Amino acid sequence: MAIERTFSIIKPDATRRNLTGRINAIFEENGLRIVAQKRIWMSRAQAKEFYKVHKDRPFYNDLVDFMVSGPVVVQVLEGENAVAKNRELMGATNPANAAPGTIRKLFAESIEANSVHGSDSPENAAIEIAYFFAGCEIVG
């Protein structure tokens, strides 16, 4: 098993409902360490750039609007196979399809307001981490 890092966002729907601690507890109880974390209010320019991979998809503008609608918690998680572990803990994008006990099954309000984002590969994790964190901010 490889120790790796992944990127996570606790989205506006979850921060609005004060779920940060409960979501972080799920990460930590399942072997992921939070090695960097900050609460920010993403600017429209930040959100558009971060989600530019989706710019040609019909949900792009709604996604950007949602992500700038309130504060988010951006963080770096570390652990064995962190990318896959985080994706397992998050559950399916659509909470109706998410497994019992996953973050999205427990907390998501809808497919759009699904409480968390997580990197889908180690390569994207590195890009997403660098977008929000300087190396000196990551304290393992």
C-alpha atoms as a PDB file:
ATOM      1  CA  MET A   1       0.000   0.000   0.000  1.00  0.00           C
ATOM      2  CA  ALA A   2       1.253   3.444  -0.929  1.00  0.00           C
ATOM      3  CA  ILE A   3       0.993   6.521   1.264  1.00  0.00           C
ATOM      4  CA  GLU A   4      -0.353   9.300  -0.915  1.00  0.00           C
ATOM      5  CA  ARG A   5      -2.130  12.618  -0.702  1.00  0.00           C
ATOM      6  CA  THR A   6      -5.457  13.669  -2.100  1.00  0.00           C
ATOM      7  CA  PHE A   7      -7.422  16.883  -2.243  1.00  0.00           C
ATOM      8  CA  SER A   8     -10.825  17.404  -0.646  1.00  0.00           C
ATOM      9  CA  ILE A   9     -13.362  20.205  -0.541  1.00  0.00           C
ATOM     10  CA  ILE A  10     -16.152  20.385   1.994  1.00  0.00           C
ATOM     11  CA  LYS A  11     -18.710  22.269  -0.090  1.00  0.00           C
ATOM     12  CA  PRO A  12     -20.977  25.233   0.803  1.00  0.00           C
ATOM     13  CA  ASP A  13     -24.019  23.074   1.594  1.00  0.00           C
ATOM     14  CA  ALA A  14     -22.039  21.229   4.256  1.00  0.00           C
ATOM     15  CA  THR A  15     -20.248  24.244   5.757  1.00  0.00           C
ATOM     16  CA  ARG A  16     -23.592  26.075   5.959  1.00  0.00           C
ATOM     17  CA  ARG A  17     -24.899  23.210   8.116  1.00  0.00           C
ATOM     18  CA  ASN A  18     -21.772  23.057  10.312  1.00  0.00           C
ATOM     19  CA  LEU A  19     -20.829  19.556   9.129  1.00  0.00           C
ATOM     20  CA  THR A  20     -17.074  20.127   8.787  1.00  0.00           C
ATOM     21  CA  GLY A  21     -16.209  18.344  12.033  1.00  0.00           C
ATOM     22  CA  ARG A  22     -18.483  15.385  11.332  1.00  0.00           C
ATOM     23  CA  ILE A  23     -17.078  14.950   7.815  1.00  0.00           C
ATOM     24  CA  ASN A  24     -13.504  15.283   9.049  1.00  0.00           C
ATOM     25  CA  ALA A  25     -14.197  12.656  11.716  1.00  0.00           C
ATOM     26  CA  ILE A  26     -15.185  10.213   8.968  1.00  0.00           C
ATOM     27  CA  PHE A  27     -11.898  10.861   7.168  1.00  0.00           C
ATOM     28  CA  GLU A  28      -9.861  10.441  10.338  1.00  0.00           C
ATOM     29  CA  GLU A  29     -11.732   7.386  11.603  1.00  0.00           C
ATOM     30  CA  ASN A  30     -10.942   5.700   8.294  1.00  0.00           C
ATOM     31  CA  GLY A  31      -7.198   6.254   8.245  1.00  0.00           C
ATOM     32  CA  LEU A  32      -6.877   9.602   6.478  1.00  0.00           C
ATOM     33  CA  ARG A  33      -4.898  12.386   8.153  1.00  0.00           C
ATOM     34  CA  ILE A  34      -5.672  16.043   7.499  1.00  0.00           C
ATOM     35  CA  VAL A  35      -2.249  17.544   6.726  1.00  0.00           C
ATOM     36  CA  ALA A  36      -3.491  20.911   5.445  1.00  0.00           C
ATOM     37  CA  GLN A  37      -6.799  22.700   5.810  1.00  0.00           C
ATOM     38  CA  LYS A  38      -8.290  26.164   5.383  1.00  0.00           C
ATOM     39  CA  ARG A  39     -11.715  27.711   5.181  1.00  0.00           C
ATOM     40  CA  ILE A  40     -12.061  30.044   2.214  1.00  0.00           C
ATOM     41  CA  TRP A  41     -14.730  31.750   0.172  1.00  0.00           C
ATOM     42  CA  MET A  42     -13.818  30.919  -3.397  1.00  0.00           C
ATOM     43  CA  SER A  43     -13.934  33.766  -5.869  1.00  0.00           C
ATOM     44  CA  ARG A  44     -15.813  33.268  -9.120  1.00  0.00           C
ATOM     45  CA  ALA A  45     -12.476  33.344 -10.986  1.00  0.00           C
ATOM     46  CA  GLN A  46     -11.041  30.624  -8.704  1.00  0.00           C
ATOM     47  CA  ALA A  47     -14.094  28.401  -9.125  1.00  0.00           C
ATOM     48  CA  LYS A  48     -14.175  28.857 -12.902  1.00  0.00           C
ATOM     49  CA  GLU A  49     -10.507  27.962 -13.195  1.00  0.00           C
ATOM     50  CA  PHE A  50     -10.702  25.030 -10.771  1.00  0.00           C
ATOM     51  CA  TYR A  51     -13.653  23.481 -12.604  1.00  0.00           C
ATOM     52  CA  LYS A  52     -12.529  24.456 -16.134  1.00  0.00           C
ATOM     53  CA  VAL A  53     -12.387  20.768 -17.081  1.00  0.00           C
ATOM     54  CA  HIS A  54     -16.211  20.947 -17.043  1.00  0.00           C
ATOM     55  CA  LYS A  55     -16.549  24.276 -18.912  1.00  0.00           C
ATOM     56  CA  ASP A  56     -18.295  22.732 -21.920  1.00  0.00           C
ATOM     57  CA  ARG A  57     -20.742  20.708 -19.855  1.00  0.00           C
ATOM     58  CA  PRO A  58     -24.288  21.961 -19.233  1.00  0.00           C
ATOM     59  CA  PHE A  59     -23.890  22.061 -15.439  1.00  0.00           C
ATOM     60  CA  TYR A  60     -20.697  24.179 -15.411  1.00  0.00           C
ATOM     61  CA  ASN A  61     -22.268  27.580 -14.669  1.00  0.00           C
ATOM     62  CA  ASP A  62     -24.535  26.137 -11.964  1.00  0.00           C
ATOM     63  CA  LEU A  63     -21.525  24.389 -10.406  1.00  0.00           C
ATOM     64  CA  VAL A  64     -19.528  27.620 -10.327  1.00  0.00           C
ATOM     65  CA  ASP A  65     -22.511  29.514  -8.864  1.00  0.00           C
ATOM     66  CA  PHE A  66     -22.904  26.873  -6.163  1.00  0.00           C
ATOM     67  CA  MET A  67     -19.218  26.790  -5.242  1.00  0.00           C
ATOM     68  CA  VAL A  68     -19.126  30.570  -4.710  1.00  0.00           C
ATOM     69  CA  SER A  69     -22.400  30.628  -2.742  1.00  0.00           C
ATOM     70  CA  GLY A  70     -20.680  30.229   0.628  1.00  0.00           C
ATOM     71  CA  PRO A  71     -17.455  29.248   2.337  1.00  0.00           C
ATOM     72  CA  VAL A  72     -15.770  25.924   1.653  1.00  0.00           C
ATOM     73  CA  VAL A  73     -13.068  23.974   3.466  1.00  0.00           C
ATOM     74  CA  VAL A  74     -10.189  22.951   1.221  1.00  0.00           C
ATOM     75  CA  GLN A  75      -7.875  20.299   2.576  1.00  0.00           C
ATOM     76  CA  VAL A  76      -5.149  17.799   1.897  1.00  0.00           C
ATOM     77  CA  LEU A  77      -5.711  14.266   3.143  1.00  0.00           C
ATOM     78  CA  GLU A  78      -2.904  11.759   3.529  1.00  0.00           C
ATOM     79  CA  GLY A  79      -2.966   8.006   3.978  1.00  0.00           C
ATOM     80  CA  GLU A  80      -2.658   4.644   2.304  1.00  0.00           C
ATOM     81  CA  ASN A  81      -4.221   4.880  -1.158  1.00  0.00           C
ATOM     82  CA  ALA A  82      -5.744   8.209  -0.110  1.00  0.00           C
ATOM     83  CA  VAL A  83      -7.381   8.965  -3.471  1.00  0.00           C
ATOM     84  CA  ALA A  84      -9.306   5.691  -3.608  1.00  0.00           C
ATOM     85  CA  LYS A  85     -10.081   5.744   0.131  1.00  0.00           C
ATOM     86  CA  ASN A  86     -11.485   9.278  -0.049  1.00  0.00           C
ATOM     87  CA  ARG A  87     -13.633   8.421  -3.075  1.00  0.00           C
ATOM     88  CA  GLU A  88     -14.951   5.350  -1.246  1.00  0.00           C
ATOM     89  CA  LEU A  89     -15.799   7.443   1.825  1.00  0.00           C
ATOM     90  CA  MET A  90     -17.506  10.145  -0.263  1.00  0.00           C
ATOM     91  CA  GLY A  91     -19.819   7.741  -2.073  1.00  0.00           C
ATOM     92  CA  ALA A  92     -21.506   8.159  -5.451  1.00  0.00           C
ATOM     93  CA  THR A  93     -21.957  11.686  -6.814  1.00  0.00           C
ATOM     94  CA  ASN A  94     -25.706  11.199  -6.699  1.00  0.00           C
ATOM     95  CA  PRO A  95     -26.563  10.642  -3.023  1.00  0.00           C
ATOM     96  CA  ALA A  96     -29.509   8.462  -4.046  1.00  0.00           C
ATOM     97  CA  ASN A  97     -26.959   5.987  -5.423  1.00  0.00           C
ATOM     98  CA  ALA A  98     -24.431   6.347  -2.596  1.00  0.00           C
ATOM     99  CA  ALA A  99     -23.735   3.428  -0.283  1.00  0.00           C
ATOM    100  CA  PRO A 100     -25.007   3.582   3.310  1.00  0.00           C
ATOM    101  CA  GLY A 101     -22.604   5.321   5.672  1.00  0.00           C
ATOM    102  CA  THR A 102     -20.843   7.337   2.963  1.00  0.00           C
ATOM    103  CA  ILE A 103     -20.529  11.091   3.341  1.00  0.00           C
ATOM    104  CA  ARG A 104     -22.896  11.824   0.483  1.00  0.00           C
ATOM    105  CA  LYS A 105     -25.510   9.339   1.696  1.00  0.00           C
ATOM    106  CA  LEU A 106     -25.328  10.856   5.178  1.00  0.00           C
ATOM    107  CA  PHE A 107     -25.142  14.561   4.350  1.00  0.00           C
ATOM    108  CA  ALA A 108     -25.777  15.484   0.696  1.00  0.00           C
ATOM    109  CA  GLU A 109     -28.871  17.504  -0.090  1.00  0.00           C
ATOM    110  CA  SER A 110     -28.916  16.706  -3.812  1.00  0.00           C
ATOM    111  CA  ILE A 111     -26.731  15.627  -6.717  1.00  0.00           C
ATOM    112  CA  GLU A 112     -25.567  19.255  -6.991  1.00  0.00           C
ATOM    113  CA  ALA A 113     -25.269  20.012  -3.264  1.00  0.00           C
ATOM    114  CA  ASN A 114     -23.457  16.780  -2.470  1.00  0.00           C
ATOM    115  CA  SER A 115     -21.296  18.081   0.395  1.00  0.00           C
ATOM    116  CA  VAL A 116     -17.798  17.051  -0.777  1.00  0.00           C
ATOM    117  CA  HIS A 117     -15.366  17.012  -3.683  1.00  0.00           C
ATOM    118  CA  GLY A 118     -12.415  14.655  -3.944  1.00  0.00           C
ATOM    119  CA  SER A 119      -9.649  14.175  -6.472  1.00  0.00           C
ATOM    120  CA  ASP A 120     -10.186  11.369  -8.963  1.00  0.00           C
ATOM    121  CA  SER A 121      -6.528  10.412  -9.473  1.00  0.00           C
ATOM    122  CA  PRO A 122      -3.125  10.987  -7.867  1.00  0.00           C
ATOM    123  CA  GLU A 123      -2.191  13.194 -10.828  1.00  0.00           C
ATOM    124  CA  ASN A 124      -5.257  15.412 -10.409  1.00  0.00           C
ATOM    125  CA  ALA A 125      -4.751  15.441  -6.641  1.00  0.00           C
ATOM    126  CA  ALA A 126      -1.310  16.992  -7.141  1.00  0.00           C
ATOM    127  CA  ILE A 127      -2.755  19.651  -9.469  1.00  0.00           C
ATOM    128  CA  GLU A 128      -5.681  20.432  -7.156  1.00  0.00           C
ATOM    129  CA  ILE A 129      -3.500  20.575  -4.039  1.00  0.00           C
ATOM    130  CA  ALA A 130      -1.093  22.990  -5.737  1.00  0.00           C
ATOM    131  CA  TYR A 131      -4.029  25.191  -6.798  1.00  0.00           C
ATOM    132  CA  PHE A 132      -4.948  25.965  -3.179  1.00  0.00           C
ATOM    133  CA  PHE A 133      -1.851  25.247  -1.089  1.00  0.00           C
ATOM    134  CA  ALA A 134       1.797  26.239  -1.043  1.00  0.00           C
ATOM    135  CA  GLY A 135       4.104  23.393  -0.109  1.00  0.00           C
ATOM    136  CA  CYS A 136       4.941  25.026   3.232  1.00  0.00           C
ATOM    137  CA  GLU A 137       1.250  24.890   4.220  1.00  0.00           C
ATOM    138  CA  ILE A 138       1.177  21.100   4.110  1.00  0.00           C
ATOM    139  CA  VAL A 139       2.343  19.775   7.446  1.00  0.00           C
ATOM    140  CA  GLY A 140       2.492  15.993   7.628  1.00  0.00           C
END
